[in-house]
Amino acid sequence: MDSDFPSCPVAPDDQIGELYVATRRLMTAEDQSEVATTAVETATAILDFPFSVFWEATDSGLKAEAISDPLREHVEVPDDPGQVLRHERGSWLWDHYESDETQRVLVDEEKAASDAPLHGGITVPLAEYGLLTAGTDERSEPTERETQLADILGKNVLSTLERIEREQELKRQRDNLDLLNQIVRHDLTNHLQTISGRAELLRDQCSGDALEHVDGIRESSQAAAELLETAGDLATVMRQTDWETEPVALGPVLSSVTEDITATYSDAQVTVPDEYSSIRIQADELLSSVFRNVLTNAVQHNDSATPSVVVDVIDDGDVVHVTVADDGPGIPDEQKQAVFERGEKRPDSDGTGVGLYLVRTLVDAYGGDVWVEDNEPTGTVVGVTLLTATDGS
């Protein structure tokens, strides 16, 4: 087994330094096996105890997961040392594991799990994960300093194991969320498309109250599809741990979003600049969700017979300002910032209040800003400021 630690005894003044090095290694460990190996190597090196073992706790007892190189000289060990080095429940070592405190121990031949000349040792319980033992062939009880060093190492090892378990659980949750998101979005989108298509066919055959009900079905299916899209984007955001942006061409994104909005809301008039030149901003694939939610919000909460929305783009060098102005009822001053909070919504809204929250979350991640102000003579302007992409981005 290769080791990053010296095989010769470590001077007392250097023990803390070696323990620090081990702690740095533990900070980057990715699984229990790596932690076990590091723990054994560290205990062997800084204590100069040649017989160190990381025991994994199982339903039946303790089994060795990693052992020191000197111990291998006394035990014929396969790839899995737990096949030959074990302590059953009720054994003296199991009692040390259950004691939940670091202890010094004198070991006789009957206690040893191998024929190594083991006489003294230190046991460090690691909660539900197992036990770390450091053994020596010296015929004396380990010192108080050696016990303290082993205890510090054990605390660092336990902290690392708990950290890895949390990270693994978060990964499982993200993977499950990702799978659920894919299934739900795929199946529900197909169903909503079917509902909307059939409602469109029925519309040509209906009149009066029936036509009003069909239009209601179409509107509800459209709203559900938009909510599904927003929920899917929000799920993607929730899975993010590190944001990585890249240069994104603004023009194609705005064009695609406005085309979708005008196709969905045929009564709305959406005005966009004639051209966006070659503006690129720092963002990612979710940039379209920012403008889709802002534009949808501007149309849905507009009480005009023909909602009017004007999009403008201002290139200000280091940043780009995109404003979306509508001629709706406007937003009271005391609610202008609150609309970006999770679950907050306009007084006239029957939505979920997550659309603009998603907008703010994404814009913040891109290093930009979002704001609301009054439009003249009536309505609301939602502004989005984004960082301009540089050539080196």
Protein backbone atom coordinates (compact mmCIF):
# COMPACT_ATOMS: atom_id res chain seq x y z
CA MET A 1 0.00 0.00 0.00
CA ASP A 2 1.52 3.38 -1.04
CA SER A 3 1.65 6.02 1.66
CA ASP A 4 2.17 9.79 1.68
CA PHE A 5 3.59 9.57 5.20
CA PRO A 6 7.14 8.78 6.37
CA SER A 7 7.85 5.31 7.70
CA CYS A 8 10.21 6.59 10.40
CA PRO A 9 8.91 7.89 13.72
CA VAL A 10 7.60 11.45 13.64
CA ALA A 11 9.09 13.86 16.18
CA PRO A 12 6.58 15.31 18.66
CA ASP A 13 6.94 18.79 17.19
CA ASP A 14 6.00 17.43 13.76
CA GLN A 15 3.02 15.33 14.82
CA ILE A 16 0.55 18.21 14.69
CA GLY A 17 1.89 19.19 11.28
CA GLU A 18 1.39 15.68 9.95
CA LEU A 19 -2.10 15.66 11.44
CA TYR A 20 -2.82 18.88 9.59
CA VAL A 21 -1.62 17.31 6.33
CA ALA A 22 -3.94 14.38 6.95
CA THR A 23 -6.85 16.74 7.61
CA ARG A 24 -6.24 18.39 4.25
CA ARG A 25 -6.35 14.98 2.58
CA LEU A 26 -9.59 14.15 4.36
CA MET A 27 -11.17 17.39 3.11
CA THR A 28 -10.89 16.13 -0.46
CA ALA A 29 -11.83 12.49 0.21
CA GLU A 30 -14.79 11.30 -1.85
CA ASP A 31 -15.79 7.98 -0.24
CA GLN A 32 -15.41 5.92 2.93
CA SER A 33 -12.72 3.69 1.44
CA GLU A 34 -10.47 6.70 0.82
CA VAL A 35 -11.16 7.99 4.33
CA ALA A 36 -10.34 4.59 5.84
CA THR A 37 -6.99 4.40 4.03
CA THR A 38 -6.04 7.95 5.04
CA ALA A 39 -7.03 7.30 8.68
CA VAL A 40 -4.91 4.14 8.87
CA GLU A 41 -1.88 5.74 7.23
CA THR A 42 -2.13 8.77 9.53
CA ALA A 43 -2.50 6.76 12.73
CA THR A 44 0.45 4.61 11.75
CA ALA A 45 2.68 7.58 10.92
CA ILE A 46 2.05 10.21 13.56
CA LEU A 47 1.74 7.76 16.48
CA ASP A 48 4.43 5.37 15.23
CA PHE A 49 1.93 2.59 15.94
CA PRO A 50 2.50 -0.04 13.23
CA PHE A 51 -0.76 -1.96 13.58
CA SER A 52 -3.63 0.33 12.57
CA VAL A 53 -7.07 -0.76 11.35
CA PHE A 54 -10.23 0.97 10.20
CA TRP A 55 -13.10 -1.29 11.25
CA GLU A 56 -16.41 -0.95 9.45
CA ALA A 57 -19.50 -1.50 11.60
CA THR A 58 -21.95 -4.07 10.21
CA ASP A 59 -25.06 -5.80 11.54
CA SER A 60 -22.97 -8.77 12.68
CA GLY A 61 -19.99 -6.90 14.12
CA LEU A 62 -16.82 -5.15 12.97
CA LYS A 63 -14.84 -6.02 9.87
CA ALA A 64 -11.56 -4.53 8.71
CA GLU A 65 -11.87 -2.16 5.74
CA ALA A 66 -8.30 -0.85 5.68
CA ILE A 67 -5.15 -2.01 7.49
CA SER A 68 -1.60 -0.71 7.81
CA ASP A 69 1.27 -2.13 5.77
CA PRO A 70 3.16 -3.51 8.81
CA LEU A 71 0.07 -5.45 9.82
CA ARG A 72 -0.08 -7.08 6.39
CA GLU A 73 3.27 -8.72 7.17
CA HIS A 74 1.55 -10.75 9.90
CA VAL A 75 -1.77 -11.45 8.14
CA GLU A 76 -2.46 -13.01 4.76
CA VAL A 77 -4.98 -10.48 3.56
CA PRO A 78 -7.02 -10.71 0.34
CA ASP A 79 -8.33 -7.62 -1.42
CA ASP A 80 -11.00 -7.42 1.28
CA PRO A 81 -9.26 -7.60 4.70
CA GLY A 82 -12.67 -7.93 6.34
CA GLN A 83 -12.75 -11.55 5.18
CA VAL A 84 -10.12 -12.53 7.74
CA LEU A 85 -10.09 -9.68 10.29
CA ARG A 86 -13.38 -9.55 12.19
CA HIS A 87 -14.80 -8.98 15.64
CA GLU A 88 -18.31 -10.22 16.33
CA ARG A 89 -20.94 -8.40 18.33
CA GLY A 90 -20.26 -8.80 22.05
CA SER A 91 -16.49 -9.03 21.65
CA TRP A 92 -14.17 -6.77 23.67
CA LEU A 93 -13.58 -4.56 20.59
CA TRP A 94 -17.31 -4.27 19.97
CA ASP A 95 -17.67 -3.03 23.55
CA HIS A 96 -15.08 -0.34 22.81
CA TYR A 97 -17.01 0.60 19.67
CA GLU A 98 -20.23 0.98 21.64
CA SER A 99 -18.52 2.97 24.41
CA ASP A 100 -18.48 6.07 22.17
CA GLU A 101 -15.22 7.36 23.68
CA THR A 102 -11.54 7.10 22.84
CA GLN A 103 -9.80 4.56 25.09
CA ARG A 104 -6.34 3.10 25.79
CA VAL A 105 -6.11 -0.66 26.01
CA LEU A 106 -3.64 -3.43 26.73
CA VAL A 107 -4.07 -6.34 24.33
CA ASP A 108 -3.26 -10.00 24.96
CA GLU A 109 -3.12 -12.83 22.42
CA GLU A 110 -6.71 -13.85 23.09
CA LYS A 111 -8.01 -10.39 22.20
CA ALA A 112 -6.04 -9.96 18.98
CA ALA A 113 -7.72 -10.71 15.65
CA SER A 114 -4.37 -11.70 14.11
CA ASP A 115 -1.03 -13.16 15.16
CA ALA A 116 0.64 -9.73 15.09
CA PRO A 117 2.71 -9.00 18.22
CA LEU A 118 0.10 -6.57 19.46
CA HIS A 119 0.34 -5.44 23.09
CA GLY A 120 -1.08 -1.91 23.43
CA GLY A 121 -3.49 0.19 21.47
CA ILE A 122 -5.98 3.03 21.21
CA THR A 123 -9.60 2.62 20.09
CA VAL A 124 -11.49 5.54 18.57
CA PRO A 125 -15.24 5.00 17.92
CA LEU A 126 -16.59 6.64 14.74
CA ALA A 127 -20.33 6.68 15.47
CA GLU A 128 -22.32 4.38 13.19
CA TYR A 129 -19.47 4.15 10.68
CA GLY A 130 -17.12 1.96 12.71
CA LEU A 131 -13.94 2.12 14.75
CA LEU A 132 -10.35 3.21 14.25
CA THR A 133 -7.69 1.28 16.17
CA ALA A 134 -3.99 2.03 16.45
CA GLY A 135 -1.88 -0.78 17.90
CA THR A 136 1.73 -1.12 19.00
CA ASP A 137 4.08 -3.94 19.91
CA GLU A 138 5.37 -1.96 22.90
CA ARG A 139 4.59 -3.66 26.22
CA SER A 140 3.12 -0.54 27.76
CA GLU A 141 -0.11 1.41 27.74
CA PRO A 142 -0.23 4.27 25.19
CA THR A 143 0.50 7.72 26.59
CA GLU A 144 -2.01 10.49 27.19
CA ARG A 145 -0.54 12.54 24.32
CA GLU A 146 -0.85 9.62 21.91
CA THR A 147 -4.44 9.16 22.99
CA GLN A 148 -5.19 12.85 22.42
CA LEU A 149 -3.68 12.75 18.92
CA ALA A 150 -5.72 9.65 18.06
CA ASP A 151 -8.85 11.35 19.40
CA ILE A 152 -8.25 14.43 17.23
CA LEU A 153 -7.68 12.23 14.20
CA GLY A 154 -10.88 10.33 14.98
CA LYS A 155 -12.93 13.54 15.19
CA ASN A 156 -11.57 14.66 11.81
CA VAL A 157 -12.32 11.26 10.29
CA LEU A 158 -15.86 11.24 11.69
CA SER A 159 -16.51 14.76 10.41
CA THR A 160 -15.32 13.68 6.95
CA LEU A 161 -17.54 10.60 6.92
CA GLU A 162 -20.57 12.69 7.89
CA ARG A 163 -19.73 15.22 5.18
CA ILE A 164 -19.47 12.50 2.53
CA GLU A 165 -22.78 10.97 3.63
CA ARG A 166 -24.49 14.37 3.35
CA GLU A 167 -23.03 14.93 -0.11
CA GLN A 168 -24.11 11.48 -1.26
CA GLU A 169 -27.62 12.03 0.06
CA LEU A 170 -27.83 15.39 -1.71
CA LYS A 171 -26.65 13.76 -4.93
CA ARG A 172 -29.33 11.07 -4.59
CA GLN A 173 -31.95 13.74 -4.02
CA ARG A 174 -30.76 15.73 -7.05
CA ASP A 175 -30.74 12.61 -9.21
CA ASN A 176 -34.27 11.70 -8.06
CA LEU A 177 -35.45 15.26 -8.68
CA ASP A 178 -33.88 15.17 -12.12
CA LEU A 179 -35.62 11.90 -12.97
CA LEU A 180 -38.97 13.12 -11.63
CA ASN A 181 -38.59 16.35 -13.56
CA GLN A 182 -37.91 14.51 -16.81
CA ILE A 183 -40.82 12.13 -16.39
CA VAL A 184 -43.34 14.74 -15.30
CA ARG A 185 -42.37 17.31 -17.91
CA HIS A 186 -42.42 14.76 -20.73
CA ASP A 187 -45.72 13.09 -19.85
CA LEU A 188 -47.62 16.20 -18.78
CA THR A 189 -46.44 18.17 -21.79
CA ASN A 190 -47.77 15.46 -24.10
CA HIS A 191 -51.12 15.39 -22.30
CA LEU A 192 -51.45 19.18 -22.37
CA GLN A 193 -50.67 19.28 -26.07
CA THR A 194 -53.42 16.72 -26.64
CA ILE A 195 -55.91 18.73 -24.57
CA SER A 196 -55.06 21.96 -26.35
CA GLY A 197 -55.25 20.31 -29.79
CA ARG A 198 -58.62 18.74 -29.16
CA ALA A 199 -59.97 21.97 -27.71
CA GLU A 200 -58.91 23.72 -30.90
CA LEU A 201 -60.82 21.14 -32.96
CA LEU A 202 -63.93 21.55 -30.80
CA ARG A 203 -63.81 25.32 -31.10
CA ASP A 204 -64.88 25.23 -34.75
CA GLN A 205 -67.95 23.18 -33.80
CA CYS A 206 -69.13 25.23 -30.82
CA SER A 207 -70.92 28.50 -30.18
CA GLY A 208 -72.37 30.42 -27.26
CA ASP A 209 -71.65 29.03 -23.80
CA ALA A 210 -69.99 25.93 -25.22
CA LEU A 211 -67.47 28.09 -27.07
CA GLU A 212 -66.73 29.96 -23.85
CA HIS A 213 -66.03 26.68 -22.07
CA VAL A 214 -63.74 25.48 -24.87
CA ASP A 215 -61.79 28.73 -24.71
CA GLY A 216 -61.50 28.23 -20.96
CA ILE A 217 -60.03 24.77 -21.56
CA ARG A 218 -57.48 26.18 -23.98
CA GLU A 219 -56.47 28.96 -21.60
CA SER A 220 -56.12 26.54 -18.69
CA SER A 221 -54.00 24.14 -20.72
CA GLN A 222 -51.78 27.02 -21.83
CA ALA A 223 -51.36 28.22 -18.25
CA ALA A 224 -50.56 24.68 -17.11
CA ALA A 225 -47.96 24.28 -19.87
CA GLU A 226 -46.30 27.55 -18.85
CA LEU A 227 -46.33 26.54 -15.20
CA LEU A 228 -44.82 23.18 -16.11
CA GLU A 229 -42.04 24.91 -18.04
CA THR A 230 -41.32 27.25 -15.12
CA ALA A 231 -41.39 24.40 -12.61
CA GLY A 232 -38.94 22.44 -14.74
CA ASP A 233 -36.56 25.39 -14.96
CA LEU A 234 -36.87 25.96 -11.22
CA ALA A 235 -36.04 22.30 -10.59
CA THR A 236 -32.93 22.73 -12.75
CA VAL A 237 -31.92 25.77 -10.71
CA MET A 238 -32.47 23.89 -7.44
CA ARG A 239 -30.06 21.17 -8.60
CA GLN A 240 -27.30 23.67 -9.33
CA THR A 241 -24.35 23.73 -6.95
CA ASP A 242 -21.88 25.75 -9.04
CA TRP A 243 -22.97 28.26 -11.66
CA GLU A 244 -20.94 28.42 -14.84
CA THR A 245 -21.85 31.10 -17.34
CA GLU A 246 -20.76 31.46 -20.93
CA PRO A 247 -21.26 33.98 -23.75
CA VAL A 248 -24.84 33.75 -25.05
CA ALA A 249 -26.17 35.62 -28.10
CA LEU A 250 -29.05 37.76 -26.84
CA GLY A 251 -30.85 38.21 -30.16
CA PRO A 252 -31.83 34.60 -30.90
CA VAL A 253 -33.04 34.09 -27.32
CA LEU A 254 -35.30 37.17 -27.37
CA SER A 255 -36.59 36.37 -30.85
CA SER A 256 -37.50 32.80 -29.92
CA VAL A 257 -39.25 33.84 -26.71
CA THR A 258 -41.28 36.62 -28.30
CA GLU A 259 -42.38 34.31 -31.12
CA ASP A 260 -43.61 31.78 -28.56
CA ILE A 261 -45.46 34.46 -26.58
CA THR A 262 -47.25 35.90 -29.61
CA ALA A 263 -48.19 32.40 -30.76
CA THR A 264 -49.65 31.57 -27.35
CA TYR A 265 -51.36 34.93 -26.75
CA SER A 266 -52.68 35.85 -30.17
CA ASP A 267 -54.46 38.99 -28.87
CA ALA A 268 -51.25 40.48 -27.49
CA GLN A 269 -49.06 42.92 -29.40
CA VAL A 270 -45.38 42.43 -28.63
CA THR A 271 -42.97 44.98 -30.11
CA VAL A 272 -39.26 44.18 -30.26
CA PRO A 273 -36.27 46.12 -31.69
CA ASP A 274 -35.60 45.66 -35.39
CA GLU A 275 -32.19 44.19 -34.66
CA TYR A 276 -30.04 43.31 -31.67
CA SER A 277 -26.70 43.68 -33.46
CA SER A 278 -24.22 41.10 -32.13
CA ILE A 279 -24.79 41.53 -28.39
CA ARG A 280 -23.57 38.65 -26.25
CA ILE A 281 -24.07 38.40 -22.52
CA GLN A 282 -22.84 36.14 -19.71
CA ALA A 283 -25.56 33.54 -19.02
CA ASP A 284 -26.44 29.90 -19.68
CA GLU A 285 -29.13 27.79 -21.33
CA LEU A 286 -31.79 29.05 -18.89
CA LEU A 287 -31.61 32.65 -20.15
CA SER A 288 -34.77 32.11 -22.21
CA SER A 289 -36.64 31.35 -18.98
CA VAL A 290 -35.85 34.85 -17.72
CA PHE A 291 -37.53 36.60 -20.65
CA ARG A 292 -40.30 34.04 -21.06
CA ASN A 293 -41.46 34.62 -17.48
CA VAL A 294 -41.15 38.42 -17.72
CA LEU A 295 -43.10 38.57 -21.00
CA THR A 296 -45.72 36.07 -19.86
CA ASN A 297 -46.21 38.07 -16.68
CA ALA A 298 -46.63 41.28 -18.70
CA VAL A 299 -49.34 39.74 -20.90
CA GLN A 300 -51.23 37.67 -18.32
CA HIS A 301 -51.70 40.53 -15.88
CA ASN A 302 -52.74 43.04 -18.52
CA ASP A 303 -56.43 44.02 -18.38
CA SER A 304 -56.39 45.69 -21.81
CA ALA A 305 -58.49 44.19 -24.60
CA THR A 306 -55.32 44.05 -26.67
CA PRO A 307 -52.34 43.86 -24.31
CA SER A 308 -49.35 45.81 -25.57
CA VAL A 309 -45.79 44.93 -24.59
CA VAL A 310 -42.70 46.78 -25.80
CA VAL A 311 -39.24 45.22 -25.50
CA ASP A 312 -36.17 47.43 -25.67
CA VAL A 313 -32.46 46.63 -25.58
CA ILE A 314 -29.78 49.13 -24.54
CA ASP A 315 -26.12 48.23 -24.92
CA ASP A 316 -24.28 50.16 -22.22
CA GLY A 317 -20.82 48.74 -22.79
CA ASP A 318 -20.07 46.53 -19.80
CA VAL A 319 -23.75 45.75 -19.27
CA VAL A 320 -26.90 45.33 -21.35
CA HIS A 321 -30.30 46.57 -20.20
CA VAL A 322 -33.40 44.76 -21.46
CA THR A 323 -36.70 46.42 -20.54
CA VAL A 324 -40.19 44.96 -20.94
CA ALA A 325 -42.89 47.65 -20.73
CA ASP A 326 -46.63 46.86 -20.65
CA ASP A 327 -49.79 48.98 -20.56
CA GLY A 328 -51.50 47.01 -17.80
CA PRO A 329 -52.75 48.20 -14.40
CA GLY A 330 -49.29 48.57 -12.91
CA ILE A 331 -47.85 47.45 -9.57
CA PRO A 332 -48.17 49.46 -6.33
CA ASP A 333 -44.86 50.88 -5.07
CA GLU A 334 -44.91 48.82 -1.88
CA GLN A 335 -45.07 45.61 -3.95
CA LYS A 336 -42.50 46.36 -6.62
CA GLN A 337 -39.66 44.46 -4.93
CA ALA A 338 -41.86 41.88 -3.24
CA VAL A 339 -42.97 40.42 -6.59
CA PHE A 340 -39.53 38.85 -6.93
CA GLU A 341 -39.81 36.96 -3.65
CA ARG A 342 -40.69 33.29 -3.64
CA GLY A 343 -44.44 32.77 -3.42
CA GLU A 344 -45.22 36.48 -3.82
CA LYS A 345 -47.57 37.56 -6.60
CA ARG A 346 -49.66 40.46 -7.78
CA PRO A 347 -52.98 41.09 -6.02
CA ASP A 348 -54.88 40.15 -9.19
CA SER A 349 -52.85 36.99 -9.79
CA ASP A 350 -54.04 33.43 -9.28
CA GLY A 351 -50.62 32.00 -10.16
CA THR A 352 -48.01 30.38 -7.95
CA GLY A 353 -45.67 33.34 -7.51
CA VAL A 354 -42.57 31.46 -8.70
CA GLY A 355 -42.10 32.95 -12.18
CA LEU A 356 -40.51 36.25 -11.16
CA TYR A 357 -38.72 34.54 -8.29
CA LEU A 358 -37.07 32.31 -10.88
CA VAL A 359 -36.20 35.42 -12.92
CA ARG A 360 -34.44 37.05 -9.99
CA THR A 361 -32.65 33.83 -9.03
CA LEU A 362 -31.25 33.38 -12.53
CA VAL A 363 -30.30 37.03 -13.02
CA ASP A 364 -28.51 37.04 -9.66
CA ALA A 365 -26.62 33.91 -10.70
CA TYR A 366 -25.56 35.68 -13.91
CA GLY A 367 -24.21 38.62 -11.87
CA GLY A 368 -26.94 40.98 -13.11
CA ASP A 369 -29.87 42.89 -11.65
CA VAL A 370 -33.64 43.09 -12.10
CA TRP A 371 -36.02 45.88 -11.13
CA VAL A 372 -39.55 47.22 -11.55
CA GLU A 373 -40.76 50.75 -12.24
CA ASP A 374 -43.89 52.49 -13.49
CA ASN A 375 -44.61 52.85 -17.18
CA GLU A 376 -46.16 56.01 -18.61
CA PRO A 377 -49.02 56.74 -18.84
CA THR A 378 -49.91 53.38 -17.27
CA GLY A 379 -48.44 49.95 -16.76
CA THR A 380 -45.20 48.44 -15.57
CA VAL A 381 -41.61 48.27 -16.78
CA VAL A 382 -39.52 45.28 -15.76
CA GLY A 383 -35.84 45.83 -16.37
CA VAL A 384 -33.11 43.20 -16.56
CA THR A 385 -29.44 44.16 -16.47
CA LEU A 386 -26.95 41.53 -17.66
CA LEU A 387 -23.17 41.51 -17.95
CA THR A 388 -21.75 41.85 -21.44
CA ALA A 389 -19.61 38.90 -22.48
CA THR A 390 -15.98 39.75 -23.15
CA ASP A 391 -13.76 38.17 -25.77
CA GLY A 392 -11.95 36.22 -23.08
CA SER A 393 -15.13 34.77 -21.54
